Every structure is written in C-alpha cells, then in structure tokens.
Amino acid sequence: MQSDIDPRSLIGRRALDSDGAKIGTVDEVYLDDATGSPEWAAVRTGLFTRDAFVPLEPSELVNDVLRVPYRRALIRDAPDFGVGRHLSPEQELQLYHHYDMDVPRSGPGPDEPPDHDFGEVAGGD
C-alpha cells in the first residue's frame, strides 16, 4: 500500500477482488499500533451482510478503487470480529493465517509474543 495515503481517505472507496469483482465499500481502516501504518481495512460486503477484514499491504489504490489481491470467496470467509473495536494480536494472527500471509516480527525473539497490539481504528481516539 502506498505509504503517503491518508488511511481515512480510503473510507467509502469501492474495493475489488483479484478478478475485478466488487467486494464492497471500505468501512474502516485499522493501523498497526507500533508503526501507525494502515494495516487492515474492514470492507462492508453488502447491505445485509458484514464487514470483512482485508490486508492493506499487498493491496493497491488504483483510480480511487482499493484492489485487493485475493478472491471474493476467501475475503468473505475471513474471520468476523465486528468493527469499531481494537483488533487483538490473536485476532490479527487469525487474519494473517486466513490470508496465508507471513506474520511480521516485531518482538524480542521468535518464541516471545510481540510487545504491542495491532489494529487501532484510523481516526479513533
């Protein structure tokens, strides 16, 4: 994801999957507590459905549309944690595993848990 983009500017943008199919609209953006970088977006997948979390790192903002490099079926099957709350390290780990992504290391060693939480809502207090 481009680092110069204000994460709040992603809210309300359309999100497309790897095939160009519409996933939904970005509802919220979650920041990494340690770096402040946008890390996850909650995408509203439909009028009567839920928000699905998608990773922002491999995603791109192209022509004002968030392009997520995963198929819609995988995105819709992502763990549901609700929105508006802080993501715990355990929840974020579930998302990394769901998308088969490498978990970033930020702790003192490989056998010790990270010393920070993830997932602060952008613009939240």
Protein backbone atom coordinates (compact mmCIF):
# COMPACT_ATOMS: atom_id res chain seq x y z
CA MET A 1 0.00 0.00 0.00
CA GLN A 2 1.29 3.45 -0.77
CA SER A 3 2.59 4.99 2.45
CA ASP A 4 1.67 8.57 1.51
CA ILE A 5 -2.09 7.87 1.50
CA ASP A 6 -4.15 9.14 4.42
CA PRO A 7 -5.89 6.00 5.73
CA ARG A 8 -9.08 7.97 6.40
CA SER A 9 -9.25 8.75 2.68
CA LEU A 10 -9.82 5.03 2.00
CA ILE A 11 -13.12 5.04 3.87
CA GLY A 12 -16.03 4.95 1.45
CA ARG A 13 -13.97 3.74 -1.50
CA ARG A 14 -15.02 0.70 -3.52
CA ALA A 15 -12.99 -2.47 -3.06
CA LEU A 16 -12.44 -5.04 -5.81
CA ASP A 17 -11.03 -8.55 -5.58
CA SER A 18 -8.23 -10.09 -7.65
CA ASP A 19 -10.67 -10.80 -10.50
CA GLY A 20 -12.02 -7.24 -10.54
CA ALA A 21 -15.31 -8.27 -8.87
CA LYS A 22 -16.78 -5.84 -6.36
CA ILE A 23 -16.23 -6.86 -2.75
CA GLY A 24 -17.90 -3.84 -1.19
CA THR A 25 -17.01 -0.49 0.33
CA VAL A 26 -14.24 0.32 2.81
CA ASP A 27 -15.91 0.91 6.16
CA GLU A 28 -12.90 1.36 8.48
CA VAL A 29 -9.11 1.28 8.36
CA TYR A 30 -7.02 -0.24 11.15
CA LEU A 31 -3.48 0.91 11.96
CA ASP A 32 -0.55 -1.02 13.36
CA ASP A 33 -0.02 0.24 16.92
CA ALA A 34 3.77 0.11 16.66
CA THR A 35 4.20 1.85 13.29
CA GLY A 36 0.94 3.75 12.77
CA SER A 37 0.82 2.34 9.24
CA PRO A 38 -2.51 1.28 7.72
CA GLU A 39 -2.63 -2.49 8.02
CA TRP A 40 -6.23 -3.75 7.62
CA ALA A 41 -9.42 -2.45 6.06
CA ALA A 42 -12.90 -3.55 7.04
CA VAL A 43 -14.93 -3.81 3.83
CA ARG A 44 -18.75 -3.79 4.01
CA THR A 45 -19.59 -6.72 1.75
CA GLY A 46 -23.26 -5.89 1.21
CA LEU A 47 -26.32 -4.16 2.58
CA PHE A 48 -27.35 -7.00 4.89
CA THR A 49 -24.00 -8.67 5.36
CA ARG A 50 -20.94 -7.94 7.44
CA ASP A 51 -17.57 -6.29 7.25
CA ALA A 52 -14.70 -8.48 6.06
CA PHE A 53 -11.14 -7.61 7.05
CA VAL A 54 -8.65 -7.38 4.18
CA PRO A 55 -4.89 -6.77 4.38
CA LEU A 56 -3.73 -3.44 3.02
CA GLU A 57 -0.06 -4.31 2.49
CA PRO A 58 -0.48 -6.31 -0.71
CA SER A 59 -3.47 -4.20 -1.81
CA GLU A 60 -3.25 -1.19 -4.10
CA LEU A 61 -5.21 2.00 -4.56
CA VAL A 62 -5.79 2.31 -8.32
CA ASN A 63 -8.03 5.01 -9.81
CA ASP A 64 -9.67 5.62 -6.40
CA VAL A 65 -10.51 1.91 -6.02
CA LEU A 66 -8.91 -0.43 -3.48
CA ARG A 67 -7.73 -3.53 -5.35
CA VAL A 68 -7.29 -6.49 -3.01
CA PRO A 69 -5.20 -9.38 -4.42
CA TYR A 70 -7.47 -12.11 -3.06
CA ARG A 71 -10.64 -13.71 -4.42
CA ARG A 72 -14.01 -12.60 -3.11
CA ALA A 73 -14.83 -16.05 -1.66
CA LEU A 74 -11.69 -16.01 0.52
CA ILE A 75 -12.40 -12.45 1.63
CA ARG A 76 -15.99 -13.24 2.57
CA ASP A 77 -14.79 -16.25 4.59
CA ALA A 78 -12.40 -14.13 6.68
CA PRO A 79 -12.93 -14.25 10.46
CA ASP A 80 -15.62 -11.82 11.63
CA PHE A 81 -14.56 -9.65 14.56
CA GLY A 82 -17.04 -6.82 14.14
CA VAL A 83 -15.89 -3.27 13.53
CA GLY A 84 -15.21 -0.23 15.66
CA ARG A 85 -13.07 -2.13 18.14
CA HIS A 86 -9.37 -2.67 18.50
CA LEU A 87 -8.03 -5.86 16.89
CA SER A 88 -6.22 -8.02 19.41
CA PRO A 89 -2.92 -9.67 18.49
CA GLU A 90 -4.75 -13.02 18.44
CA GLN A 91 -7.38 -11.71 16.01
CA GLU A 92 -4.75 -10.26 13.75
CA LEU A 93 -2.85 -13.55 13.82
CA GLN A 94 -6.05 -15.32 12.68
CA LEU A 95 -6.29 -12.89 9.76
CA TYR A 96 -2.65 -13.45 8.77
CA HIS A 97 -3.25 -17.20 8.78
CA HIS A 98 -6.53 -16.87 6.87
CA TYR A 99 -4.80 -14.97 4.05
CA ASP A 100 -1.73 -17.25 4.25
CA MET A 101 0.49 -14.26 4.94
CA ASP A 102 3.79 -14.15 6.81
CA VAL A 103 3.36 -12.73 10.30
CA PRO A 104 5.63 -9.71 10.77
CA ARG A 105 8.09 -10.00 13.62
CA SER A 106 8.37 -7.08 15.99
CA GLY A 107 9.04 -8.74 19.33
CA PRO A 108 12.32 -9.54 21.02
CA GLY A 109 12.55 -13.08 19.66
CA PRO A 110 10.75 -15.79 17.69
CA ASP A 111 9.48 -17.60 20.82
CA GLU A 112 8.20 -14.47 22.54
CA PRO A 113 4.92 -12.72 21.69
CA PRO A 114 5.08 -9.21 20.18
CA ASP A 115 5.19 -6.45 22.76
CA HIS A 116 2.39 -4.42 21.15
CA ASP A 117 -1.20 -4.69 19.98
CA PHE A 118 -2.43 -4.26 16.43
CA GLY A 119 -5.41 -2.77 14.76
CA GLU A 120 -6.20 0.71 16.08
CA VAL A 121 -9.03 2.26 14.10
CA ALA A 122 -7.80 5.16 11.94
CA GLY A 123 -9.05 8.46 13.30
CA GLY A 124 -10.15 6.77 16.54
CA ASP A 125 -9.40 8.17 19.95
